Amino acid sequence: MIAIIDYSAGNLRSVQRALRHLGLPCIITADAQKIAEADRVIFPGVGAAGKAMETIRSAGLDLTIHEVIDSGTPFLGICLGTQIIFDSSEEDAAACLGIFPGTVRRFPEKGEKIPHMGWNTLRQVRGHPMLHGVQENAWFYFVHSYYPDPSDEADVVARTSYCIEFVSAVSRGNVFATQFHPEKSGEPGLKILENFSRWDGKG
């Protein structure tokens, strides 16, 4: 069973629909026990970092997420779900979960429209089981004004160019996280979700 963390915002249903399209059992839940008992956990995301962290902490889900990751359960962060695993975010000056060292930064004003909204490609920095079968020039859907800036280059899996070249996928241990939305990215995105259903949390 895949648990989709309900933090009272975001694109929960679109993630659920994508997983069901693949025939994967899943639930949307804010129940800490159900999340802890799940085979895999997804934190999807649309929203603001400050409000999301306030909701997570008030429900005690910050502790649950740490416990899930510490247990070795495969964990997928999507968009805001990627940003909240870092130390902090410039959005709302939010203190985040601190699972990955680094800061989430706002795109610089360089003539491009912000938010970055639409389709873009990935430059894969290193191989990863979650990207198995995904072509180098595959297109993915983005909606964001902020991007992760990891302190450790070893955490970087892929980069994308918009205003600057920014980090669009990271991984460490049993955590994989994308700034793009695989659930809205057609076949390449579905391939990532399918890979997640089989991933053992290594690589």
N, C-alpha and C. Protein backbone atom coordinates (compact mmCIF):
# COMPACT_ATOMS: atom_id res chain seq x y z
N MET A 1 0.83 -1.20 0.00
CA MET A 1 0.00 0.00 0.00
C MET A 1 0.87 1.26 0.00
N ILE A 2 0.52 2.21 -0.85
CA ILE A 2 1.21 3.49 -0.91
C ILE A 2 0.37 4.53 -0.17
N ALA A 3 0.96 5.18 0.81
CA ALA A 3 0.26 6.24 1.54
C ALA A 3 0.61 7.59 0.93
N ILE A 4 -0.41 8.37 0.58
CA ILE A 4 -0.24 9.73 0.09
C ILE A 4 -0.58 10.65 1.26
N ILE A 5 0.40 11.40 1.73
CA ILE A 5 0.21 12.22 2.93
C ILE A 5 -0.75 13.37 2.65
N ASP A 6 -1.81 13.44 3.45
CA ASP A 6 -2.81 14.50 3.35
C ASP A 6 -2.40 15.63 4.29
N TYR A 7 -1.99 16.76 3.72
CA TYR A 7 -1.62 17.91 4.55
C TYR A 7 -2.57 19.08 4.28
N SER A 8 -3.82 18.74 3.87
CA SER A 8 -4.91 19.70 3.68
C SER A 8 -4.66 20.69 2.55
N ALA A 9 -3.89 20.28 1.57
CA ALA A 9 -3.63 21.12 0.39
C ALA A 9 -3.05 20.25 -0.69
N GLY A 10 -2.80 20.85 -1.84
CA GLY A 10 -2.02 20.16 -2.85
C GLY A 10 -2.83 19.33 -3.83
N ASN A 11 -2.10 18.54 -4.58
CA ASN A 11 -2.66 17.78 -5.70
C ASN A 11 -2.82 16.31 -5.34
N LEU A 12 -3.46 16.08 -4.21
CA LEU A 12 -3.58 14.71 -3.71
C LEU A 12 -4.32 13.80 -4.68
N ARG A 13 -5.44 14.29 -5.21
CA ARG A 13 -6.28 13.45 -6.06
C ARG A 13 -5.61 13.11 -7.38
N SER A 14 -4.83 14.04 -7.92
CA SER A 14 -4.17 13.74 -9.20
C SER A 14 -3.10 12.67 -9.01
N VAL A 15 -2.42 12.69 -7.87
CA VAL A 15 -1.46 11.63 -7.57
C VAL A 15 -2.19 10.30 -7.39
N GLN A 16 -3.29 10.33 -6.67
CA GLN A 16 -4.08 9.12 -6.47
C GLN A 16 -4.58 8.55 -7.81
N ARG A 17 -5.06 9.42 -8.69
CA ARG A 17 -5.56 8.96 -9.99
C ARG A 17 -4.45 8.33 -10.82
N ALA A 18 -3.26 8.93 -10.78
CA ALA A 18 -2.13 8.37 -11.53
C ALA A 18 -1.75 6.98 -11.02
N LEU A 19 -1.72 6.83 -9.70
CA LEU A 19 -1.38 5.54 -9.12
C LEU A 19 -2.44 4.49 -9.45
N ARG A 20 -3.71 4.89 -9.37
CA ARG A 20 -4.78 3.94 -9.69
C ARG A 20 -4.76 3.56 -11.16
N HIS A 21 -4.38 4.50 -12.02
CA HIS A 21 -4.24 4.21 -13.45
C HIS A 21 -3.22 3.10 -13.67
N LEU A 22 -2.20 3.07 -12.82
CA LEU A 22 -1.17 2.04 -12.88
C LEU A 22 -1.56 0.77 -12.14
N GLY A 23 -2.74 0.78 -11.53
CA GLY A 23 -3.20 -0.38 -10.79
C GLY A 23 -2.53 -0.54 -9.43
N LEU A 24 -2.05 0.56 -8.87
CA LEU A 24 -1.32 0.51 -7.61
C LEU A 24 -2.24 0.89 -6.44
N PRO A 25 -2.32 0.06 -5.41
CA PRO A 25 -3.16 0.39 -4.25
C PRO A 25 -2.60 1.57 -3.49
N CYS A 26 -3.48 2.51 -3.12
CA CYS A 26 -3.02 3.70 -2.42
C CYS A 26 -4.14 4.29 -1.59
N ILE A 27 -3.75 5.07 -0.59
CA ILE A 27 -4.72 5.79 0.24
C ILE A 27 -4.21 7.20 0.47
N ILE A 28 -5.14 8.14 0.59
CA ILE A 28 -4.82 9.49 1.02
C ILE A 28 -5.13 9.56 2.51
N THR A 29 -4.15 9.91 3.32
CA THR A 29 -4.37 9.85 4.76
C THR A 29 -3.47 10.82 5.52
N ALA A 30 -4.00 11.29 6.66
CA ALA A 30 -3.20 12.06 7.61
C ALA A 30 -3.00 11.27 8.89
N ASP A 31 -3.39 9.99 8.86
CA ASP A 31 -3.28 9.12 10.03
C ASP A 31 -1.83 8.64 10.16
N ALA A 32 -1.18 9.03 11.24
CA ALA A 32 0.24 8.71 11.42
C ALA A 32 0.50 7.21 11.40
N GLN A 33 -0.40 6.43 11.99
CA GLN A 33 -0.19 4.98 12.03
C GLN A 33 -0.27 4.37 10.64
N LYS A 34 -1.25 4.82 9.84
CA LYS A 34 -1.38 4.29 8.49
C LYS A 34 -0.19 4.67 7.63
N ILE A 35 0.31 5.89 7.82
CA ILE A 35 1.49 6.32 7.07
C ILE A 35 2.70 5.48 7.47
N ALA A 36 2.85 5.26 8.77
CA ALA A 36 4.00 4.49 9.27
C ALA A 36 3.96 3.04 8.82
N GLU A 37 2.75 2.50 8.63
CA GLU A 37 2.61 1.09 8.25
C GLU A 37 2.63 0.87 6.74
N ALA A 38 2.60 1.94 5.96
CA ALA A 38 2.56 1.82 4.50
C ALA A 38 3.86 1.23 3.96
N ASP A 39 3.76 0.59 2.81
CA ASP A 39 4.95 0.03 2.15
C ASP A 39 5.79 1.14 1.52
N ARG A 40 5.11 2.22 1.10
CA ARG A 40 5.76 3.37 0.47
C ARG A 40 4.96 4.61 0.81
N VAL A 41 5.63 5.75 0.79
CA VAL A 41 4.97 7.00 1.18
C VAL A 41 5.29 8.08 0.16
N ILE A 42 4.26 8.85 -0.20
CA ILE A 42 4.43 10.00 -1.10
C ILE A 42 3.96 11.26 -0.39
N PHE A 43 4.80 12.31 -0.46
CA PHE A 43 4.37 13.63 -0.04
C PHE A 43 4.25 14.48 -1.30
N PRO A 44 3.00 14.66 -1.80
CA PRO A 44 2.80 15.47 -3.00
C PRO A 44 2.79 16.94 -2.62
N GLY A 45 2.76 17.82 -3.59
CA GLY A 45 2.81 19.19 -3.13
C GLY A 45 2.39 20.26 -4.10
N VAL A 46 1.50 21.09 -3.65
CA VAL A 46 1.22 22.40 -4.22
C VAL A 46 0.89 23.26 -3.03
N GLY A 47 1.47 24.44 -2.95
CA GLY A 47 1.18 25.30 -1.81
C GLY A 47 2.42 26.03 -1.34
N ALA A 48 2.30 26.66 -0.19
CA ALA A 48 3.39 27.47 0.37
C ALA A 48 4.10 26.70 1.48
N ALA A 49 5.41 26.87 1.54
CA ALA A 49 6.21 26.13 2.51
C ALA A 49 5.81 26.41 3.95
N GLY A 50 5.60 27.69 4.27
CA GLY A 50 5.28 28.04 5.65
C GLY A 50 3.99 27.40 6.13
N LYS A 51 2.94 27.51 5.32
CA LYS A 51 1.65 26.93 5.69
C LYS A 51 1.73 25.42 5.76
N ALA A 52 2.43 24.81 4.81
CA ALA A 52 2.56 23.35 4.82
C ALA A 52 3.27 22.87 6.08
N MET A 53 4.36 23.54 6.45
CA MET A 53 5.08 23.13 7.65
C MET A 53 4.25 23.35 8.91
N GLU A 54 3.47 24.42 8.92
CA GLU A 54 2.59 24.66 10.07
C GLU A 54 1.58 23.53 10.23
N THR A 55 1.00 23.11 9.10
CA THR A 55 0.01 22.03 9.13
C THR A 55 0.65 20.71 9.54
N ILE A 56 1.82 20.43 8.96
CA ILE A 56 2.52 19.18 9.27
C ILE A 56 2.87 19.10 10.75
N ARG A 57 3.40 20.18 11.27
CA ARG A 57 3.82 20.18 12.68
C ARG A 57 2.63 20.10 13.63
N SER A 58 1.56 20.80 13.31
CA SER A 58 0.40 20.79 14.20
C SER A 58 -0.22 19.40 14.28
N ALA A 59 -0.07 18.62 13.22
CA ALA A 59 -0.61 17.25 13.19
C ALA A 59 0.41 16.21 13.64
N GLY A 60 1.63 16.64 13.94
CA GLY A 60 2.68 15.72 14.34
C GLY A 60 3.25 14.91 13.19
N LEU A 61 2.92 15.31 11.96
CA LEU A 61 3.38 14.54 10.81
C LEU A 61 4.85 14.76 10.49
N ASP A 62 5.43 15.82 11.04
CA ASP A 62 6.88 16.01 10.86
C ASP A 62 7.63 14.85 11.50
N LEU A 63 7.19 14.44 12.67
CA LEU A 63 7.81 13.30 13.36
C LEU A 63 7.56 12.00 12.60
N THR A 64 6.34 11.86 12.07
CA THR A 64 5.99 10.66 11.31
C THR A 64 6.86 10.53 10.07
N ILE A 65 7.06 11.64 9.36
CA ILE A 65 7.88 11.60 8.15
C ILE A 65 9.32 11.20 8.48
N HIS A 66 9.85 11.77 9.55
CA HIS A 66 11.20 11.38 9.98
C HIS A 66 11.26 9.89 10.32
N GLU A 67 10.25 9.39 11.00
CA GLU A 67 10.23 7.98 11.38
C GLU A 67 10.16 7.07 10.15
N VAL A 68 9.33 7.46 9.19
CA VAL A 68 9.20 6.68 7.95
C VAL A 68 10.53 6.60 7.22
N ILE A 69 11.18 7.74 7.09
CA ILE A 69 12.46 7.77 6.37
C ILE A 69 13.54 7.02 7.14
N ASP A 70 13.57 7.21 8.45
CA ASP A 70 14.56 6.50 9.27
C ASP A 70 14.37 4.99 9.22
N SER A 71 13.13 4.54 8.98
CA SER A 71 12.85 3.10 8.94
C SER A 71 13.29 2.45 7.62
N GLY A 72 13.61 3.28 6.62
CA GLY A 72 14.01 2.74 5.33
C GLY A 72 12.89 2.60 4.33
N THR A 73 11.68 3.02 4.68
CA THR A 73 10.56 2.96 3.76
C THR A 73 10.80 3.88 2.56
N PRO A 74 10.62 3.41 1.33
CA PRO A 74 10.78 4.28 0.17
C PRO A 74 9.84 5.49 0.26
N PHE A 75 10.42 6.68 0.04
CA PHE A 75 9.69 7.94 0.21
C PHE A 75 9.88 8.79 -1.03
N LEU A 76 8.77 9.28 -1.58
CA LEU A 76 8.80 10.13 -2.77
C LEU A 76 8.24 11.51 -2.44
N GLY A 77 9.04 12.54 -2.67
CA GLY A 77 8.57 13.91 -2.53
C GLY A 77 8.30 14.50 -3.90
N ILE A 78 7.22 15.27 -4.01
CA ILE A 78 6.85 15.90 -5.28
C ILE A 78 6.66 17.39 -5.07
N CYS A 79 7.38 18.22 -5.82
CA CYS A 79 7.26 19.68 -5.81
C CYS A 79 7.44 20.24 -4.40
N LEU A 80 6.38 20.71 -3.75
CA LEU A 80 6.51 21.19 -2.37
C LEU A 80 6.99 20.07 -1.46
N GLY A 81 6.61 18.84 -1.79
CA GLY A 81 7.09 17.68 -1.03
C GLY A 81 8.58 17.47 -1.14
N THR A 82 9.18 18.03 -2.17
CA THR A 82 10.64 18.05 -2.30
C THR A 82 11.23 19.17 -1.46
N GLN A 83 10.61 20.34 -1.53
CA GLN A 83 11.15 21.51 -0.85
C GLN A 83 11.14 21.36 0.67
N ILE A 84 10.11 20.73 1.22
CA ILE A 84 10.01 20.65 2.69
C ILE A 84 10.99 19.67 3.31
N ILE A 85 11.67 18.85 2.50
CA ILE A 85 12.65 17.93 3.09
C ILE A 85 14.01 18.60 3.32
N PHE A 86 14.16 19.85 2.84
CA PHE A 86 15.42 20.57 3.05
C PHE A 86 15.41 21.30 4.39
N ASP A 87 16.53 21.93 4.72
CA ASP A 87 16.64 22.62 6.01
C ASP A 87 15.68 23.79 6.13
N SER A 88 15.60 24.58 5.06
CA SER A 88 14.80 25.80 5.14
C SER A 88 14.39 26.25 3.74
N SER A 89 13.43 27.17 3.70
CA SER A 89 12.97 27.73 2.43
C SER A 89 12.91 29.25 2.54
N GLU A 90 13.31 29.91 1.46
CA GLU A 90 13.17 31.35 1.42
C GLU A 90 11.70 31.76 1.37
N GLU A 91 10.83 30.85 0.96
CA GLU A 91 9.40 31.13 0.97
C GLU A 91 8.91 31.12 2.42
N ASP A 92 8.40 32.24 2.86
CA ASP A 92 7.91 32.40 4.24
C ASP A 92 9.01 32.26 5.28
N ALA A 93 10.29 32.28 4.85
CA ALA A 93 11.41 32.06 5.77
C ALA A 93 11.15 30.83 6.63
N ALA A 94 10.67 29.76 5.99
CA ALA A 94 10.21 28.58 6.70
C ALA A 94 11.35 27.66 7.11
N ALA A 95 11.31 27.20 8.35
CA ALA A 95 12.18 26.11 8.80
C ALA A 95 11.50 24.81 8.38
N CYS A 96 12.22 23.98 7.63
CA CYS A 96 11.62 22.76 7.08
C CYS A 96 12.09 21.53 7.84
N LEU A 97 12.05 20.36 7.21
CA LEU A 97 12.27 19.11 7.93
C LEU A 97 13.73 18.77 8.17
N GLY A 98 14.64 19.34 7.38
CA GLY A 98 16.06 19.09 7.62
C GLY A 98 16.52 17.68 7.31
N ILE A 99 15.84 17.01 6.39
CA ILE A 99 16.25 15.67 6.00
C ILE A 99 17.42 15.73 5.03
N PHE A 100 17.39 16.71 4.14
CA PHE A 100 18.50 16.99 3.23
C PHE A 100 19.11 18.33 3.62
N PRO A 101 20.43 18.45 3.67
CA PRO A 101 21.04 19.76 3.93
C PRO A 101 20.89 20.66 2.71
N GLY A 102 20.52 21.90 2.97
CA GLY A 102 20.37 22.84 1.86
C GLY A 102 19.20 23.77 2.07
N THR A 103 19.05 24.69 1.14
CA THR A 103 18.03 25.73 1.21
C THR A 103 17.20 25.74 -0.06
N VAL A 104 15.93 26.05 0.07
CA VAL A 104 15.06 26.23 -1.09
C VAL A 104 15.04 27.72 -1.43
N ARG A 105 15.35 28.05 -2.69
CA ARG A 105 15.52 29.44 -3.08
C ARG A 105 14.51 29.86 -4.14
N ARG A 106 14.21 31.15 -4.19
CA ARG A 106 13.32 31.69 -5.21
C ARG A 106 14.12 31.95 -6.49
N PHE A 107 13.48 31.71 -7.62
CA PHE A 107 14.11 32.01 -8.90
C PHE A 107 14.51 33.48 -8.95
N PRO A 108 15.67 33.78 -9.50
CA PRO A 108 16.07 35.18 -9.69
C PRO A 108 15.24 35.83 -10.79
N GLU A 109 15.07 37.13 -10.70
CA GLU A 109 14.35 37.87 -11.74
C GLU A 109 15.30 38.08 -12.92
N LYS A 110 15.14 37.26 -13.95
CA LYS A 110 16.03 37.35 -15.11
C LYS A 110 15.26 37.43 -16.41
N GLY A 111 14.06 37.99 -16.36
CA GLY A 111 13.29 38.15 -17.57
C GLY A 111 12.31 37.04 -17.86
N GLU A 112 12.51 35.87 -17.25
CA GLU A 112 11.57 34.77 -17.42
C GLU A 112 10.38 34.94 -16.49
N LYS A 113 9.23 34.40 -16.89
CA LYS A 113 8.05 34.49 -16.05
C LYS A 113 8.21 33.59 -14.83
N ILE A 114 7.81 34.11 -13.69
CA ILE A 114 7.79 33.33 -12.45
C ILE A 114 6.35 33.36 -11.93
N PRO A 115 5.74 32.20 -11.67
CA PRO A 115 6.37 30.88 -11.55
C PRO A 115 6.76 30.27 -12.90
N HIS A 116 7.72 29.35 -12.81
CA HIS A 116 8.05 28.48 -13.93
C HIS A 116 6.89 27.52 -14.07
N MET A 117 6.15 27.65 -15.16
CA MET A 117 4.95 26.83 -15.34
C MET A 117 4.94 26.26 -16.74
N GLY A 118 5.01 24.94 -16.84
CA GLY A 118 4.97 24.30 -18.14
C GLY A 118 5.95 23.14 -18.25
N TRP A 119 6.25 22.78 -19.49
CA TRP A 119 7.02 21.57 -19.76
C TRP A 119 8.50 21.87 -19.93
N ASN A 120 9.32 20.98 -19.41
CA ASN A 120 10.76 21.14 -19.53
C ASN A 120 11.42 19.77 -19.42
N THR A 121 12.69 19.71 -19.80
CA THR A 121 13.41 18.44 -19.80
C THR A 121 14.37 18.37 -18.61
N LEU A 122 14.91 17.18 -18.39
CA LEU A 122 15.88 16.94 -17.33
C LEU A 122 17.24 16.66 -17.93
N ARG A 123 18.28 17.10 -17.24
CA ARG A 123 19.64 16.63 -17.53
C ARG A 123 20.03 15.72 -16.38
N GLN A 124 20.06 14.42 -16.64
CA GLN A 124 20.35 13.46 -15.58
C GLN A 124 21.83 13.55 -15.21
N VAL A 125 22.08 13.86 -13.95
CA VAL A 125 23.45 14.02 -13.45
C VAL A 125 24.05 12.66 -13.09
N ARG A 126 23.22 11.78 -12.60
CA ARG A 126 23.67 10.42 -12.27
C ARG A 126 22.52 9.46 -12.43
N GLY A 127 22.85 8.20 -12.65
CA GLY A 127 21.82 7.20 -12.80
C GLY A 127 21.11 6.92 -11.48
N HIS A 128 19.85 6.51 -11.59
CA HIS A 128 19.08 6.16 -10.40
C HIS A 128 17.96 5.21 -10.81
N PRO A 129 17.65 4.19 -9.98
CA PRO A 129 16.58 3.26 -10.33
C PRO A 129 15.23 3.93 -10.61
N MET A 130 14.97 5.07 -9.98
CA MET A 130 13.70 5.76 -10.20
C MET A 130 13.59 6.35 -11.60
N LEU A 131 14.73 6.51 -12.28
CA LEU A 131 14.71 7.04 -13.64
C LEU A 131 14.94 5.95 -14.69
N HIS A 132 14.89 4.70 -14.26
CA HIS A 132 15.09 3.60 -15.19
C HIS A 132 14.00 3.63 -16.27
N GLY A 133 14.42 3.60 -17.53
CA GLY A 133 13.47 3.61 -18.63
C GLY A 133 12.99 4.98 -19.03
N VAL A 134 13.47 6.04 -18.36
CA VAL A 134 13.10 7.41 -18.70
C VAL A 134 14.16 7.99 -19.64
N GLN A 135 13.74 8.40 -20.80
CA GLN A 135 14.68 8.93 -21.78
C GLN A 135 15.27 10.26 -21.31
N GLU A 136 16.51 10.52 -21.72
CA GLU A 136 17.20 11.74 -21.32
C GLU A 136 16.45 13.00 -21.75
N ASN A 137 15.78 12.96 -22.90
CA ASN A 137 15.09 14.15 -23.40
C ASN A 137 13.60 14.16 -23.09
N ALA A 138 13.16 13.35 -22.15
CA ALA A 138 11.75 13.29 -21.78
C ALA A 138 11.29 14.62 -21.16
N TRP A 139 10.04 14.97 -21.41
CA TRP A 139 9.47 16.23 -20.91
C TRP A 139 8.65 15.98 -19.65
N PHE A 140 8.77 16.91 -18.71
CA PHE A 140 8.04 16.84 -17.44
C PHE A 140 7.38 18.18 -17.14
N TYR A 141 6.32 18.11 -16.35
CA TYR A 141 5.53 19.32 -16.07
C TYR A 141 5.95 19.95 -14.74
N PHE A 142 6.20 21.26 -14.78
CA PHE A 142 6.64 22.03 -13.61
C PHE A 142 5.64 23.15 -13.30
N VAL A 143 5.45 23.41 -12.02
CA VAL A 143 4.74 24.62 -11.55
C VAL A 143 5.41 25.03 -10.25
N HIS A 144 6.29 26.05 -10.29
CA HIS A 144 6.98 26.44 -9.06
C HIS A 144 7.69 27.77 -9.22
N SER A 145 7.85 28.45 -8.09
CA SER A 145 8.62 29.70 -8.04
C SER A 145 9.92 29.51 -7.26
N TYR A 146 10.05 28.37 -6.59
CA TYR A 146 11.20 28.07 -5.75
C TYR A 146 11.81 26.74 -6.18
N TYR A 147 13.08 26.56 -5.89
CA TYR A 147 13.78 25.34 -6.29
C TYR A 147 14.76 24.94 -5.18
N PRO A 148 15.06 23.65 -5.07
CA PRO A 148 15.99 23.21 -4.03
C PRO A 148 17.44 23.50 -4.40
N ASP A 149 18.21 23.90 -3.42
CA ASP A 149 19.64 24.16 -3.60
C ASP A 149 20.39 23.32 -2.56
N PRO A 150 20.68 22.05 -2.88
CA PRO A 150 21.31 21.15 -1.91
C PRO A 150 22.72 21.59 -1.55
N SER A 151 23.10 21.37 -0.30
CA SER A 151 24.47 21.64 0.14
C SER A 151 25.43 20.56 -0.35
N ASP A 152 24.91 19.36 -0.56
CA ASP A 152 25.73 18.22 -0.94
C ASP A 152 25.45 17.85 -2.40
N GLU A 153 26.42 18.04 -3.26
CA GLU A 153 26.25 17.74 -4.68
C GLU A 153 25.92 16.27 -4.91
N ALA A 154 26.31 15.42 -3.99
CA ALA A 154 26.04 13.98 -4.14
C ALA A 154 24.55 13.67 -4.10
N ASP A 155 23.74 14.59 -3.57
CA ASP A 155 22.29 14.38 -3.51
C ASP A 155 21.59 14.66 -4.84
N VAL A 156 22.28 15.31 -5.76
CA VAL A 156 21.66 15.76 -7.01
C VAL A 156 21.55 14.61 -8.00
N VAL A 157 20.35 14.43 -8.55
CA VAL A 157 20.10 13.41 -9.57
C VAL A 157 19.88 14.03 -10.94
N ALA A 158 19.19 15.17 -10.99
CA ALA A 158 18.91 15.81 -12.28
C ALA A 158 18.83 17.32 -12.13
N ARG A 159 19.09 18.00 -13.23
CA ARG A 159 18.99 19.46 -13.29
C ARG A 159 18.15 19.85 -14.50
N THR A 160 17.59 21.07 -14.43
CA THR A 160 16.75 21.61 -15.49
C THR A 160 17.08 23.09 -15.66
N SER A 161 16.96 23.59 -16.88
CA SER A 161 17.28 25.00 -17.14
C SER A 161 16.01 25.84 -17.26
N TYR A 162 15.92 26.87 -16.44
CA TYR A 162 14.88 27.89 -16.53
C TYR A 162 15.37 29.06 -15.68
N CYS A 163 15.62 30.17 -16.26
CA CYS A 163 16.28 31.31 -15.59
C CYS A 163 17.74 30.96 -15.30
N ILE A 164 17.90 29.86 -14.61
CA ILE A 164 19.21 29.31 -14.26
C ILE A 164 19.13 27.80 -14.45
N GLU A 165 20.24 27.10 -14.30
CA GLU A 165 20.17 25.65 -14.22
C GLU A 165 19.94 25.29 -12.76
N PHE A 166 18.78 24.71 -12.47
CA PHE A 166 18.42 24.40 -11.08
C PHE A 166 18.29 22.90 -10.89
N VAL A 167 18.33 22.48 -9.64
CA VAL A 167 18.19 21.06 -9.30
C VAL A 167 16.72 20.66 -9.38
N SER A 168 16.43 19.64 -10.18
CA SER A 168 15.05 19.22 -10.38
C SER A 168 14.75 17.82 -9.85
N ALA A 169 15.77 17.10 -9.38
CA ALA A 169 15.54 15.81 -8.72
C ALA A 169 16.72 15.52 -7.79
N VAL A 170 16.40 15.00 -6.62
CA VAL A 170 17.42 14.66 -5.62
C VAL A 170 17.13 13.29 -5.04
N SER A 171 18.16 12.69 -4.48
CA SER A 171 17.96 11.41 -3.80
C SER A 171 19.06 11.20 -2.77
N ARG A 172 18.67 10.57 -1.69
CA ARG A 172 19.61 10.15 -0.65
C ARG A 172 18.97 8.96 0.05
N GLY A 173 19.66 7.81 0.01
CA GLY A 173 19.11 6.63 0.67
C GLY A 173 17.77 6.25 0.09
N ASN A 174 16.77 6.13 0.95
CA ASN A 174 15.43 5.71 0.53
C ASN A 174 14.51 6.87 0.17
N VAL A 175 15.08 8.06 -0.02
CA VAL A 175 14.29 9.24 -0.40
C VAL A 175 14.63 9.65 -1.82
N PHE A 176 13.60 9.82 -2.63
CA PHE A 176 13.73 10.38 -3.98
C PHE A 176 12.72 11.50 -4.09
N ALA A 177 13.12 12.62 -4.66
CA ALA A 177 12.21 13.76 -4.71
C ALA A 177 12.40 14.55 -6.00
N THR A 178 11.29 15.02 -6.55
CA THR A 178 11.31 15.74 -7.82
C THR A 178 10.65 17.11 -7.67
N GLN A 179 11.25 18.12 -8.33
CA GLN A 179 10.61 19.42 -8.35
C GLN A 179 9.46 19.45 -9.36
N PHE A 180 9.49 18.58 -10.34
CA PHE A 180 8.40 18.46 -11.31
C PHE A 180 7.30 17.54 -10.78
N HIS A 181 6.21 17.48 -11.54
CA HIS A 181 5.06 16.67 -11.15
C HIS A 181 4.97 15.42 -12.03
N PRO A 182 5.44 14.28 -11.58
CA PRO A 182 5.34 13.07 -12.41
C PRO A 182 3.90 12.69 -12.71
N GLU A 183 3.00 12.97 -11.78
CA GLU A 183 1.59 12.60 -11.97
C GLU A 183 0.91 13.42 -13.05
N LYS A 184 1.54 14.50 -13.50
CA LYS A 184 0.98 15.35 -14.56
C LYS A 184 1.86 15.34 -15.81
N SER A 185 2.78 14.39 -15.89
CA SER A 185 3.80 14.39 -16.94
C SER A 185 3.67 13.26 -17.94
N GLY A 186 2.47 12.74 -18.13
CA GLY A 186 2.26 11.73 -19.14
C GLY A 186 3.06 10.46 -18.90
N GLU A 187 3.45 9.80 -19.98
CA GLU A 187 4.11 8.50 -19.87
C GLU A 187 5.43 8.54 -19.09
N PRO A 188 6.30 9.55 -19.29
CA PRO A 188 7.54 9.57 -18.50
C PRO A 188 7.27 9.67 -16.99
N GLY A 189 6.25 10.46 -16.64
CA GLY A 189 5.91 10.59 -15.22
C GLY A 189 5.33 9.31 -14.65
N LEU A 190 4.48 8.66 -15.44
CA LEU A 190 3.91 7.39 -15.00
C LEU A 190 5.01 6.34 -14.83
N LYS A 191 6.04 6.42 -15.68
CA LYS A 191 7.15 5.48 -15.56
C LYS A 191 7.86 5.67 -14.22
N ILE A 192 8.04 6.91 -13.80
CA ILE A 192 8.67 7.18 -12.51
C ILE A 192 7.82 6.62 -11.37
N LEU A 193 6.51 6.81 -11.45
CA LEU A 193 5.62 6.28 -10.40
C LEU A 193 5.63 4.75 -10.40
N GLU A 194 5.68 4.17 -11.59
CA GLU A 194 5.79 2.71 -11.67
C GLU A 194 7.10 2.23 -11.06
N ASN A 195 8.19 2.94 -11.36
CA ASN A 195 9.48 2.60 -10.76
C ASN A 195 9.42 2.69 -9.24
N PHE A 196 8.71 3.70 -8.75
CA PHE A 196 8.59 3.87 -7.30
C PHE A 196 7.90 2.67 -6.66
N SER A 197 6.94 2.10 -7.36
CA SER A 197 6.20 0.95 -6.81
C SER A 197 7.08 -0.28 -6.66
N ARG A 198 8.24 -0.27 -7.36
CA ARG A 198 9.14 -1.43 -7.32
C ARG A 198 10.45 -1.13 -6.62
N TRP A 199 10.72 0.14 -6.39
CA TRP A 199 12.01 0.55 -5.84
C TRP A 199 12.21 0.05 -4.42
N ASP A 200 13.40 -0.45 -4.15
CA ASP A 200 13.68 -0.99 -2.81
C ASP A 200 14.30 0.06 -1.86
N GLY A 201 14.38 1.30 -2.33
CA GLY A 201 14.92 2.37 -1.48
C GLY A 201 16.43 2.44 -1.50
N LYS A 202 17.04 1.82 -2.51
CA LYS A 202 18.50 1.86 -2.62
C LYS A 202 18.89 2.42 -3.98
N GLY A 203 20.15 2.88 -4.08
CA GLY A 203 20.65 3.34 -5.37
C GLY A 203 20.59 4.83 -5.55
